[in-house]
Amino acid sequence: MKNRKKRGGGDVVVPWRRFFRFVSLFVSSFVVFSALFIFLGKFRPVVRPSIKAVLGGSVPAVKVTPVHEAVKFPDQTLIFIKDQSSSRLLTKGDLFCVFSDANDSSKVYKELPLAVEINDSGRQIVRCSAVPRHHTVSLAVTRRTVFNRLLVGPTYQWDRLVYDAVIDHDNTTVAFVKGLNLRPGKVADVSRYECVYGWDLSNPKQLLRSQVISAAQEIVRCKTTPTVLKGPRVAQSPPVKVSVRIRRSGMLLPSVAHPINRPVQVKDLTYGERKQFETCVCTMTRNAANVLREWVMYHAGIGVTRWFIYDNNSDDDIVSEIKNLKNSGYNVSRHFWPWIKTQEAGFANCAIRAKRDCDWVAFIDVDEFFYIQSGQTLTEVIKNYTTPSSSSSKIGEIRTSCHSFGPSGLKDPPRRGVMASYTCRMSQPERHKSIIRPETLNTTLINVVHHFQLKEGFTFVDVEKDKMIINHYKYQVWDIFKEKFKRRVATYVADWQDKENVGSKDRTPGLGTRPVEPSDWAERFCEVRDNGLKDWVLENFMDRKMQRLVWEGEEYSGA
């Protein structure tokens, strides 16, 4: 049978067999190309068998994404993830830390991360265990049936690094640096250094250089270039980094620091100008969940209205404890600060942070509590001491002595909290802690043992011991105290287990360098019985109906 089609007045004869062949070819081609389009749209490189075997399970698709950079510490590795703005934030349950033998690619093992954090610039940071010798680290992101392998880019050593930066109210950049080895409390020669900005510090042609204004301890203040202050022209540009170059050697320190701009109005920096919060507190701590509730609630009761918690790698329930306090109405913020032995730098960072909102900031530890014998608030005490004696002399710092308390005969952590339980102390006070007005600090931000250097024209005042003292519950029951052997936060103080400066006042008398409990620990450091703060707390913070202190219960509405 023929199929006839009329064209141009004539007949064109097309055999049915040829027609069916044409249709079949067309349909087949459509199916093949459609399948290829779908397949190629979803295809990702397949992970090698050794990793599949270690991670377990079927892995139908793999996406390989570079991780920005990593920092190696003695006891952990920080992995900085590239901008995740286009997707939801990763959680601890999404990730594995993957360690690969550098000499044998078939030897790979995984473990859950210690934590997943977010820093002040919004970058996600994954805390993994320390990288074993001769190994590399990467991240595995597992979501349902998709396995994403995140490869790590540059990896830096912690002891030579620009690790944080902030743009101060005067538009200078304050960079926090390891590796310059500057002496504590001393100002360095700024001509030895220069500040370097760049969106890619590995590209010499795209670096911006600027003057160093001051350098002291781990703090370098730089003149911020106009290009950096204006910000990137393109919204999707990566954030700029800042580093420090040592002029003599030409060495540019590695950096993970992106300057954060915290604008402050000039009128807010006038001496005596009222700000949002009269009295604030800043601390740096690790694993303080067990005492944080008592510490915040008590100080709220004596006038503190704002708390800055610099969390130095806690692995307890401090995050949930802070969340509970915030839900109860306390203005507490947590700031992830993973940088070990950087208390002085962290306090300088906090002083800049608090400058906009706080009239006065106290720098104390979470085991330290102000005791005001008269029953006044902390704000009232500050006002009593800050009336200028002359037009040329103004108070920028208030210093308060500390009494160190011992275990007081206890062997188990006290249920009612430290103030109502530890009542025996050393007879003589040790050192002092400071309450500062942030805008009166010297531009170097030098600080040692909780007190700062002030600008010219400002001075400090000592509070009389019978007016206000700090109860420092320094030597608690052994199960609490032994945590100090993990690491100390101060930069220029030796860790407990280091065999150096063993006779220093920063050491525990008679303890040595090993975390071994002395048989008489519960009776040590007890020279004077002191129930002053205990009695005041029982009188003013007791829930009479429930017969318990307010921090023992679920809610506290008396602050």
Protein backbone atom coordinates (compact mmCIF):
# COMPACT_ATOMS: atom_id res chain seq x y z
CA MET A 1 0.00 0.00 0.00
CA LYS A 2 1.28 3.43 -0.87
CA ASN A 3 0.93 6.72 0.95
CA ARG A 4 0.39 9.62 -1.44
CA LYS A 5 0.99 13.30 -0.73
CA LYS A 6 0.26 16.04 -3.21
CA ARG A 7 2.95 18.74 -3.68
CA GLY A 8 3.23 21.36 -6.42
CA GLY A 9 0.47 19.80 -8.46
CA GLY A 10 2.21 16.37 -8.56
CA ASP A 11 2.03 13.22 -6.47
CA VAL A 12 4.91 12.13 -4.22
CA VAL A 13 4.84 8.48 -3.25
CA VAL A 14 6.33 7.55 0.22
CA PRO A 15 6.52 3.88 1.20
CA TRP A 16 4.94 3.02 4.62
CA ARG A 17 8.07 1.11 5.69
CA ARG A 18 10.28 4.21 5.29
CA PHE A 19 7.72 6.32 7.15
CA PHE A 20 7.68 3.97 10.17
CA ARG A 21 11.49 3.88 10.25
CA PHE A 22 11.59 7.67 10.41
CA VAL A 23 9.07 7.85 13.26
CA SER A 24 10.87 5.12 15.24
CA LEU A 25 14.21 6.90 14.87
CA PHE A 26 12.71 10.19 16.05
CA VAL A 27 11.09 8.67 19.16
CA SER A 28 14.24 6.70 20.06
CA SER A 29 16.42 9.81 19.78
CA PHE A 30 14.04 11.79 21.98
CA VAL A 31 14.10 9.14 24.71
CA VAL A 32 17.91 8.83 24.65
CA PHE A 33 18.59 12.56 24.79
CA SER A 34 16.01 13.05 27.54
CA ALA A 35 17.62 10.33 29.63
CA LEU A 36 21.08 11.82 29.15
CA PHE A 37 19.82 15.26 30.14
CA ILE A 38 18.31 13.96 33.37
CA PHE A 39 21.33 11.78 34.17
CA LEU A 40 23.92 14.49 33.56
CA GLY A 41 21.93 16.98 35.60
CA LYS A 42 22.16 14.74 38.65
CA PHE A 43 25.52 13.08 38.12
CA ARG A 44 28.34 13.65 40.59
CA PRO A 45 31.74 11.94 40.82
CA VAL A 46 31.51 8.64 42.71
CA VAL A 47 33.44 8.38 45.98
CA ARG A 48 36.27 5.90 45.98
CA PRO A 49 35.46 2.45 47.46
CA SER A 50 37.74 2.80 50.51
CA ILE A 51 35.87 5.84 51.81
CA LYS A 52 32.51 4.26 51.05
CA ALA A 53 33.54 1.25 53.06
CA VAL A 54 34.58 3.36 56.04
CA LEU A 55 31.57 5.65 56.02
CA GLY A 56 29.20 2.76 55.39
CA GLY A 57 25.95 2.57 53.49
CA SER A 58 25.05 3.15 49.89
CA VAL A 59 26.21 6.47 48.47
CA PRO A 60 24.36 7.13 45.21
CA ALA A 61 25.72 10.66 44.72
CA VAL A 62 28.71 12.70 45.89
CA LYS A 63 29.35 16.43 45.77
CA VAL A 64 32.89 17.68 46.43
CA THR A 65 33.07 21.21 47.86
CA PRO A 66 36.18 23.04 49.13
CA VAL A 67 36.32 24.12 52.76
CA HIS A 68 37.76 27.57 53.28
CA GLU A 69 40.58 26.78 55.71
CA ALA A 70 41.52 25.02 58.94
CA VAL A 71 43.52 25.78 62.07
CA LYS A 72 45.39 23.06 63.98
CA PHE A 73 45.57 23.20 67.79
CA PRO A 74 47.24 20.73 70.15
CA ASP A 75 43.89 19.21 71.12
CA GLN A 76 41.49 20.06 68.27
CA THR A 77 41.17 21.27 64.69
CA LEU A 78 38.92 24.14 63.62
CA ILE A 79 37.50 23.88 60.10
CA PHE A 80 36.01 27.06 58.64
CA ILE A 81 33.26 26.34 56.12
CA LYS A 82 32.78 28.58 53.12
CA ASP A 83 29.77 30.87 52.99
CA GLN A 84 26.58 28.84 53.45
CA SER A 85 24.19 31.76 52.83
CA SER A 86 22.45 29.94 49.99
CA SER A 87 21.56 26.90 52.12
CA ARG A 88 20.56 26.03 55.65
CA LEU A 89 23.22 25.93 58.34
CA LEU A 90 24.94 22.65 59.00
CA THR A 91 24.44 20.91 62.32
CA LYS A 92 26.51 18.41 64.26
CA GLY A 93 24.22 15.64 63.01
CA ASP A 94 25.00 16.51 59.38
CA LEU A 95 28.74 16.01 59.65
CA PHE A 96 31.61 13.64 60.11
CA CYS A 97 35.25 14.61 60.57
CA VAL A 98 37.17 12.38 58.14
CA PHE A 99 40.86 11.64 58.74
CA SER A 100 42.94 10.18 55.92
CA ASP A 101 46.41 8.69 56.10
CA ALA A 102 48.66 10.86 53.94
CA ASN A 103 50.74 7.82 52.96
CA ASP A 104 47.93 5.32 52.37
CA SER A 105 44.69 6.62 50.85
CA SER A 106 42.87 3.41 51.76
CA LYS A 107 43.23 4.17 55.48
CA VAL A 108 40.37 6.51 56.31
CA TYR A 109 38.29 6.82 59.44
CA LYS A 110 35.51 9.12 60.61
CA GLU A 111 34.13 10.53 63.85
CA LEU A 112 31.46 12.99 64.88
CA PRO A 113 32.64 16.59 65.38
CA LEU A 114 33.03 17.98 68.87
CA ALA A 115 30.69 20.85 67.98
CA VAL A 116 29.53 23.11 65.15
CA GLU A 117 29.75 26.80 66.01
CA ILE A 118 29.02 30.19 64.42
CA ASN A 119 31.39 33.07 65.02
CA ASP A 120 30.57 36.78 65.13
CA SER A 121 31.07 37.20 61.38
CA GLY A 122 28.51 34.47 60.67
CA ARG A 123 30.98 31.81 59.54
CA GLN A 124 30.34 28.24 60.56
CA ILE A 125 33.23 26.56 62.35
CA VAL A 126 33.45 22.81 62.87
CA ARG A 127 35.42 21.59 65.87
CA CYS A 128 37.11 18.27 65.10
CA SER A 129 39.59 16.30 67.16
CA ALA A 130 43.29 16.98 66.68
CA VAL A 131 44.59 15.69 63.35
CA PRO A 132 46.80 12.63 63.94
CA ARG A 133 50.35 12.75 62.71
CA HIS A 134 50.76 12.12 58.97
CA HIS A 135 47.01 12.53 58.39
CA THR A 136 44.81 15.04 56.62
CA VAL A 137 41.30 16.10 57.60
CA SER A 138 38.15 16.74 55.59
CA LEU A 139 34.42 16.86 56.30
CA ALA A 140 31.68 14.52 55.18
CA VAL A 141 28.22 16.05 54.96
CA THR A 142 25.48 13.42 55.02
CA ARG A 143 21.90 14.33 54.26
CA ARG A 144 19.52 11.51 53.45
CA THR A 145 20.92 9.83 50.32
CA VAL A 146 23.46 12.51 49.43
CA PHE A 147 27.08 12.37 50.60
CA ASN A 148 29.02 15.63 50.26
CA ARG A 149 32.78 15.47 50.71
CA LEU A 150 34.12 18.85 51.81
CA LEU A 151 37.83 19.10 51.12
CA VAL A 152 39.96 21.28 53.38
CA GLY A 153 41.98 24.11 51.87
CA PRO A 154 44.93 25.80 53.62
CA THR A 155 45.66 24.49 57.10
CA TYR A 156 47.42 26.81 59.56
CA GLN A 157 49.30 26.23 62.80
CA TRP A 158 47.75 27.97 65.78
CA ASP A 159 50.94 29.53 67.13
CA ARG A 160 51.45 31.79 64.08
CA LEU A 161 48.16 33.30 62.98
CA VAL A 162 46.01 36.43 62.77
CA TYR A 163 42.94 34.92 64.36
CA ASP A 164 40.39 37.71 64.85
CA ALA A 165 39.79 41.35 63.94
CA VAL A 166 37.29 44.13 64.53
CA ILE A 167 36.88 47.68 63.21
CA ASP A 168 36.76 50.04 66.19
CA HIS A 169 34.61 53.18 66.52
CA ASP A 170 37.41 55.38 65.10
CA ASN A 171 37.55 53.20 61.94
CA THR A 172 40.86 51.63 62.90
CA THR A 173 41.21 47.87 62.64
CA VAL A 174 42.17 45.94 65.77
CA ALA A 175 43.77 42.62 64.81
CA PHE A 176 44.49 39.82 67.27
CA VAL A 177 47.71 37.97 66.47
CA LYS A 178 49.68 34.93 67.56
CA GLY A 179 53.34 34.68 66.60
CA LEU A 180 54.71 38.17 67.23
CA ASN A 181 55.84 37.14 70.73
CA LEU A 182 55.52 40.63 72.19
CA ARG A 183 56.20 41.13 75.90
CA PRO A 184 53.26 41.47 78.30
CA GLY A 185 52.37 45.04 79.20
CA LYS A 186 54.92 46.56 76.80
CA VAL A 187 54.41 48.61 73.65
CA ALA A 188 56.32 47.39 70.59
CA ASP A 189 58.04 49.38 67.83
CA VAL A 190 55.34 49.79 65.17
CA SER A 191 57.91 50.35 62.40
CA ARG A 192 58.62 46.62 62.48
CA TYR A 193 55.19 45.75 61.11
CA GLU A 194 52.61 46.66 58.52
CA CYS A 195 48.99 45.68 58.11
CA VAL A 196 47.87 43.97 54.93
CA TYR A 197 44.30 43.64 53.61
CA GLY A 198 43.11 41.48 50.76
CA TRP A 199 40.32 39.33 49.42
CA ASP A 200 43.00 36.79 48.50
CA LEU A 201 46.15 37.14 50.61
CA SER A 202 48.01 34.71 48.37
CA ASN A 203 47.84 37.17 45.46
CA PRO A 204 50.49 39.90 45.97
CA LYS A 205 49.01 42.07 43.21
CA GLN A 206 45.72 42.48 45.06
CA LEU A 207 46.96 43.38 48.54
CA LEU A 208 46.32 46.69 50.31
CA ARG A 209 48.95 47.85 52.78
CA SER A 210 48.41 50.17 55.72
CA GLN A 211 50.18 51.69 58.70
CA VAL A 212 50.39 50.04 62.12
CA ILE A 213 49.26 52.51 64.81
CA SER A 214 50.10 50.43 67.87
CA ALA A 215 51.32 46.93 68.71
CA ALA A 216 51.27 45.39 72.16
CA GLN A 217 50.89 41.84 73.49
CA GLU A 218 48.67 40.11 70.88
CA ILE A 219 46.89 43.29 69.74
CA VAL A 220 47.83 45.23 66.60
CA ARG A 221 45.88 48.37 65.69
CA CYS A 222 45.92 49.30 62.01
CA LYS A 223 44.81 52.23 59.90
CA THR A 224 41.93 50.81 57.86
CA THR A 225 42.16 51.51 54.14
CA PRO A 226 39.24 53.42 52.54
CA THR A 227 38.57 50.49 50.19
CA VAL A 228 37.98 48.19 53.14
CA LEU A 229 35.75 50.70 54.93
CA LYS A 230 33.59 51.13 51.83
CA GLY A 231 33.15 47.40 51.51
CA PRO A 232 33.05 45.25 48.35
CA ARG A 233 31.46 46.65 45.21
CA VAL A 234 29.75 43.36 44.46
CA ALA A 235 27.35 41.99 47.06
CA GLN A 236 28.54 38.40 46.56
CA SER A 237 32.24 39.22 47.01
CA PRO A 238 34.06 37.23 49.70
CA PRO A 239 34.80 39.13 52.93
CA VAL A 240 38.14 40.89 53.15
CA LYS A 241 40.89 39.55 55.38
CA VAL A 242 43.50 41.38 57.39
CA SER A 243 46.99 40.16 58.21
CA VAL A 244 50.27 41.50 59.59
CA ARG A 245 53.59 41.51 57.76
CA ILE A 246 56.88 41.45 59.67
CA ARG A 247 58.97 43.95 57.70
CA ARG A 248 62.42 42.59 58.52
CA SER A 249 61.72 39.07 57.30
CA GLY A 250 58.99 39.96 54.84
CA MET A 251 56.83 37.21 56.33
CA LEU A 252 53.07 37.66 56.00
CA LEU A 253 51.31 35.86 58.82
CA PRO A 254 48.50 33.47 57.85
CA SER A 255 45.06 34.83 58.67
CA VAL A 256 41.49 33.70 59.27
CA ALA A 257 40.46 37.18 60.45
CA HIS A 258 37.72 39.13 58.70
CA PRO A 259 37.36 42.62 60.26
CA ILE A 260 33.88 43.09 61.73
CA ASN A 261 32.53 46.63 61.67
CA ARG A 262 30.82 47.68 64.89
CA PRO A 263 29.88 51.35 64.35
CA VAL A 264 29.58 53.56 67.42
CA GLN A 265 28.09 57.03 67.44
CA VAL A 266 30.53 59.75 68.51
CA LYS A 267 28.02 61.13 71.03
CA ASP A 268 28.03 57.74 72.79
CA LEU A 269 31.72 58.07 73.57
CA THR A 270 31.50 61.30 75.54
CA TYR A 271 32.62 60.80 79.14
CA GLY A 272 29.52 60.65 81.31
CA GLU A 273 27.06 60.15 78.42
CA ARG A 274 24.34 57.68 79.44
CA LYS A 275 24.15 54.50 77.37
CA GLN A 276 21.67 51.64 77.18
CA PHE A 277 23.22 49.67 80.06
CA GLU A 278 24.78 51.22 83.16
CA THR A 279 26.61 48.13 84.41
CA CYS A 280 27.77 45.17 82.31
CA VAL A 281 29.97 42.14 82.95
CA CYS A 282 32.38 40.36 80.62
CA THR A 283 33.97 36.98 81.25
CA MET A 284 35.91 34.28 79.44
CA THR A 285 35.18 30.76 80.55
CA ARG A 286 35.12 27.08 79.73
CA ASN A 287 32.59 24.53 81.02
CA ALA A 288 30.84 26.91 83.42
CA ALA A 289 27.26 25.66 82.98
CA ASN A 290 27.11 24.44 86.58
CA VAL A 291 27.70 27.91 88.08
CA LEU A 292 26.48 30.28 85.36
CA ARG A 293 22.86 30.45 86.54
CA GLU A 294 23.89 31.45 90.07
CA TRP A 295 26.47 33.93 88.77
CA VAL A 296 24.06 35.72 86.42
CA MET A 297 21.06 35.75 88.77
CA TYR A 298 23.05 37.02 91.74
CA HIS A 299 24.69 39.85 89.80
CA ALA A 300 21.34 40.78 88.27
CA GLY A 301 20.11 41.20 91.84
CA ILE A 302 22.85 43.77 92.58
CA GLY A 303 22.37 45.81 89.42
CA VAL A 304 24.11 44.14 86.45
CA THR A 305 21.94 44.31 83.30
CA ARG A 306 24.14 42.90 80.51
CA TRP A 307 26.50 39.89 80.30
CA PHE A 308 29.06 38.99 77.62
CA ILE A 309 30.16 35.34 77.82
CA TYR A 310 33.28 34.47 75.81
CA ASP A 311 33.09 30.69 75.50
CA ASN A 312 36.54 29.13 75.27
CA ASN A 313 35.70 25.67 73.82
CA SER A 314 33.14 24.44 76.34
CA ASP A 315 31.81 20.91 75.96
CA ASP A 316 29.18 21.03 78.73
CA ASP A 317 25.60 22.41 78.62
CA ILE A 318 26.56 26.09 78.63
CA VAL A 319 24.72 26.81 75.37
CA SER A 320 21.40 25.52 76.70
CA GLU A 321 22.00 27.25 80.05
CA ILE A 322 22.49 30.61 78.32
CA LYS A 323 19.38 29.99 76.24
CA ASN A 324 17.36 29.33 79.41
CA LEU A 325 18.67 32.52 81.00
CA LYS A 326 17.78 34.56 77.92
CA ASN A 327 14.29 33.04 77.90
CA SER A 328 13.96 34.15 81.53
CA GLY A 329 14.69 37.75 80.55
CA TYR A 330 18.42 38.09 81.20
CA ASN A 331 20.40 39.93 78.54
CA VAL A 332 23.16 37.36 78.10
CA SER A 333 25.09 36.79 74.88
CA ARG A 334 27.50 33.98 74.10
CA HIS A 335 30.50 34.61 71.86
CA PHE A 336 32.41 31.62 70.56
CA TRP A 337 36.08 32.31 71.24
CA PRO A 338 38.08 29.16 70.45
CA TRP A 339 41.50 30.79 70.69
CA ILE A 340 43.40 29.15 73.55
CA LYS A 341 45.36 31.18 76.11
CA THR A 342 44.09 34.53 74.80
CA GLN A 343 42.22 35.99 77.77
CA GLU A 344 43.82 39.42 77.40
CA ALA A 345 42.94 39.60 73.69
CA GLY A 346 39.42 38.38 74.41
CA PHE A 347 38.91 41.07 77.05
CA ALA A 348 40.14 43.72 74.62
CA ASN A 349 37.67 42.39 72.05
CA CYS A 350 34.90 42.58 74.65
CA ALA A 351 35.82 46.14 75.62
CA ILE A 352 35.36 47.19 71.99
CA ARG A 353 32.07 45.25 71.77
CA ALA A 354 30.69 46.81 74.96
CA LYS A 355 31.76 50.35 74.15
CA ARG A 356 28.57 51.26 72.32
CA ASP A 357 26.08 50.03 74.93
CA CYS A 358 27.71 49.94 78.39
CA ASP A 359 28.67 52.76 80.74
CA TRP A 360 30.82 50.42 82.85
CA VAL A 361 32.08 46.88 82.27
CA ALA A 362 33.35 44.57 85.01
CA PHE A 363 35.89 41.91 84.00
CA ILE A 364 35.54 38.98 86.40
CA ASP A 365 35.49 35.18 86.24
CA VAL A 366 32.40 33.03 86.74
CA ASP A 367 33.67 31.92 90.15
CA GLU A 368 33.95 35.55 91.34
CA PHE A 369 31.09 37.44 93.01
CA PHE A 370 30.94 41.07 94.12
CA TYR A 371 30.04 41.38 97.81
CA ILE A 372 28.76 44.84 98.82
CA GLN A 373 28.49 44.90 102.59
CA SER A 374 26.13 47.90 102.69
CA GLY A 375 23.52 46.24 100.48
CA GLN A 376 23.87 48.89 97.77
CA THR A 377 23.76 47.97 94.11
CA LEU A 378 26.94 47.75 92.06
CA THR A 379 25.77 50.74 90.04
CA GLU A 380 25.42 52.81 93.22
CA VAL A 381 28.92 51.86 94.35
CA ILE A 382 30.34 52.87 90.98
CA LYS A 383 28.63 56.27 91.18
CA ASN A 384 30.05 56.82 94.66
CA TYR A 385 33.59 56.46 93.31
CA THR A 386 33.40 58.18 89.94
CA THR A 387 32.86 61.85 90.76
CA PRO A 388 35.91 63.59 89.21
CA SER A 389 38.11 65.24 91.81
CA SER A 390 39.21 67.88 89.28
CA SER A 391 38.58 68.82 85.67
CA SER A 392 41.88 67.19 84.59
CA SER A 393 41.49 63.92 86.46
CA LYS A 394 38.69 61.49 85.64
CA ILE A 395 38.04 57.95 86.81
CA GLY A 396 38.24 55.29 84.10
CA GLU A 397 38.78 52.19 86.22
CA ILE A 398 37.54 50.93 89.60
CA ARG A 399 39.67 48.23 91.26
CA THR A 400 38.27 45.74 93.76
CA SER A 401 40.32 43.34 95.89
CA CYS A 402 39.64 39.59 95.92
CA HIS A 403 39.36 37.10 98.80
CA SER A 404 40.21 33.51 97.80
CA PHE A 405 37.94 30.84 99.31
CA GLY A 406 38.84 27.18 99.83
CA PRO A 407 36.83 23.92 99.78
CA SER A 408 35.58 24.74 103.30
CA GLY A 409 35.47 21.10 104.35
CA LEU A 410 33.27 20.02 101.42
CA LYS A 411 34.02 16.99 99.26
CA ASP A 412 31.04 17.03 96.87
CA PRO A 413 29.81 19.88 94.64
CA PRO A 414 27.34 21.97 96.69
CA ARG A 415 23.69 21.85 95.63
CA ARG A 416 22.86 25.36 96.82
CA GLY A 417 25.65 27.07 94.87
CA VAL A 418 29.04 28.44 95.84
CA MET A 419 28.06 31.54 97.84
CA ALA A 420 25.96 29.66 100.40
CA SER A 421 28.42 26.78 100.69
CA TYR A 422 32.06 27.92 100.68
CA THR A 423 32.67 29.95 103.83
CA CYS A 424 36.36 29.59 104.67
CA ARG A 425 39.02 31.71 102.98
CA MET A 426 42.59 32.92 103.05
CA SER A 427 43.19 35.84 105.43
CA GLN A 428 44.79 38.25 102.95
CA PRO A 429 43.22 39.39 99.65
CA GLU A 430 44.92 38.50 96.36
CA ARG A 431 45.26 41.06 93.60
CA HIS A 432 42.22 42.90 92.26
CA LYS A 433 39.71 42.91 89.41
CA SER A 434 38.55 45.93 87.44
CA ILE A 435 35.41 47.72 86.34
CA ILE A 436 36.25 49.98 83.41
CA ARG A 437 34.65 52.71 81.32
CA PRO A 438 35.40 51.39 77.78
CA GLU A 439 36.06 54.71 76.05
CA THR A 440 38.80 55.65 78.56
CA LEU A 441 41.09 52.74 77.60
CA ASN A 442 44.46 53.35 76.00
CA THR A 443 44.47 52.67 72.24
CA THR A 444 46.87 49.75 72.74
CA LEU A 445 44.19 47.95 74.83
CA ILE A 446 46.96 46.54 77.01
CA ASN A 447 45.50 44.57 79.90
CA VAL A 448 47.05 42.21 82.43
CA VAL A 449 45.23 40.20 85.08
CA HIS A 450 41.89 41.90 84.46
CA HIS A 451 43.00 45.53 84.47
CA PHE A 452 43.70 47.88 81.56
CA GLN A 453 45.95 50.80 80.77
CA LEU A 454 44.03 54.09 80.52
CA LYS A 455 44.29 57.11 78.26
CA GLU A 456 46.23 60.13 79.47
CA GLY A 457 44.09 62.24 81.79
CA PHE A 458 42.23 59.26 83.27
CA THR A 459 43.07 57.37 86.42
CA PHE A 460 41.85 54.50 88.60
CA VAL A 461 40.48 54.28 92.13
CA ASP A 462 40.74 51.46 94.69
CA VAL A 463 37.56 50.47 96.53
CA GLU A 464 37.98 50.08 100.28
CA LYS A 465 37.71 46.46 101.38
CA ASP A 466 34.94 47.24 103.88
CA LYS A 467 32.85 48.80 101.09
CA MET A 468 33.09 46.11 98.41
CA ILE A 469 35.11 42.94 97.95
CA ILE A 470 35.10 40.09 95.44
CA ASN A 471 34.58 36.61 96.83
CA HIS A 472 36.69 34.39 94.60
CA TYR A 473 35.68 30.76 95.00
CA LYS A 474 39.01 29.71 93.61
CA TYR A 475 39.69 26.40 95.40
CA GLN A 476 36.44 24.45 95.21
CA VAL A 477 35.84 20.73 95.79
CA TRP A 478 38.32 18.63 93.88
CA ASP A 479 35.93 17.41 91.17
CA ILE A 480 35.36 21.05 90.19
CA PHE A 481 38.88 22.35 90.76
CA LYS A 482 40.63 19.67 88.69
CA GLU A 483 39.06 21.16 85.54
CA LYS A 484 41.67 23.92 85.86
CA PHE A 485 44.33 21.38 84.88
CA LYS A 486 42.84 21.23 81.38
CA ARG A 487 44.20 24.63 80.44
CA ARG A 488 44.35 28.19 81.73
CA VAL A 489 42.98 31.01 79.62
CA ALA A 490 45.53 33.74 80.41
CA THR A 491 48.22 34.23 77.76
CA TYR A 492 51.19 34.85 80.03
CA VAL A 493 50.37 32.36 82.79
CA ALA A 494 51.75 28.83 82.66
CA ASP A 495 49.27 25.95 82.55
CA TRP A 496 49.00 23.95 85.75
CA GLN A 497 50.81 20.95 84.30
CA ASP A 498 53.70 22.97 82.82
CA LYS A 499 56.87 22.65 84.86
CA GLU A 500 57.68 26.34 84.85
CA ASN A 501 57.10 29.18 87.34
CA VAL A 502 56.10 26.53 89.89
CA GLY A 503 56.52 29.03 92.76
CA SER A 504 54.38 31.72 91.13
CA LYS A 505 51.33 33.20 92.88
CA ASP A 506 49.35 31.99 89.88
CA ARG A 507 49.95 28.44 91.10
CA THR A 508 48.02 26.66 93.83
CA PRO A 509 50.27 26.56 96.90
CA GLY A 510 51.56 23.07 97.63
CA LEU A 511 49.81 21.40 94.69
CA GLY A 512 52.54 21.03 92.08
CA THR A 513 51.93 20.20 88.44
CA ARG A 514 49.93 16.95 88.61
CA PRO A 515 46.12 16.67 88.86
CA VAL A 516 46.27 14.38 91.89
CA GLU A 517 43.97 15.19 94.81
CA PRO A 518 45.85 15.78 98.10
CA SER A 519 44.39 13.82 100.99
CA ASP A 520 43.68 17.04 102.94
CA TRP A 521 42.33 19.06 100.01
CA ALA A 522 38.94 19.70 101.66
CA GLU A 523 40.62 21.44 104.61
CA ARG A 524 43.10 23.57 102.70
CA PHE A 525 43.06 27.37 102.19
CA CYS A 526 41.00 27.89 105.33
CA GLU A 527 42.34 30.67 107.58
CA VAL A 528 39.24 32.79 108.23
CA ARG A 529 35.59 31.81 108.55
CA ASP A 530 33.57 34.28 106.49
CA ASN A 531 29.76 33.95 106.35
CA GLY A 532 29.11 37.51 105.19
CA LEU A 533 27.97 36.88 101.63
CA LYS A 534 26.32 33.59 102.55
CA ASP A 535 24.09 35.29 105.13
CA TRP A 536 23.25 38.14 102.75
CA VAL A 537 22.33 35.69 99.97
CA LEU A 538 20.12 33.59 102.27
CA GLU A 539 18.35 36.75 103.35
CA ASN A 540 17.79 38.29 99.93
CA PHE A 541 17.70 35.42 97.41
CA MET A 542 15.68 32.81 99.26
CA ASP A 543 12.30 31.74 97.88
CA ARG A 544 10.40 31.54 101.19
CA LYS A 545 7.55 29.52 99.76
CA MET A 546 9.76 26.87 98.14
CA GLN A 547 12.51 27.16 100.77
CA ARG A 548 15.28 27.26 98.22
CA LEU A 549 17.56 29.81 96.59
CA VAL A 550 16.20 31.25 93.38
CA TRP A 551 18.87 29.66 91.17
CA GLU A 552 17.91 26.24 92.50
CA GLY A 553 14.46 26.57 90.90
CA GLU A 554 13.19 26.80 87.33
CA GLU A 555 12.32 30.49 87.27
CA TYR A 556 13.55 33.68 88.89
CA SER A 557 11.51 36.85 88.57
CA GLY A 558 13.09 38.97 91.29
CA ALA A 559 15.94 40.41 89.25
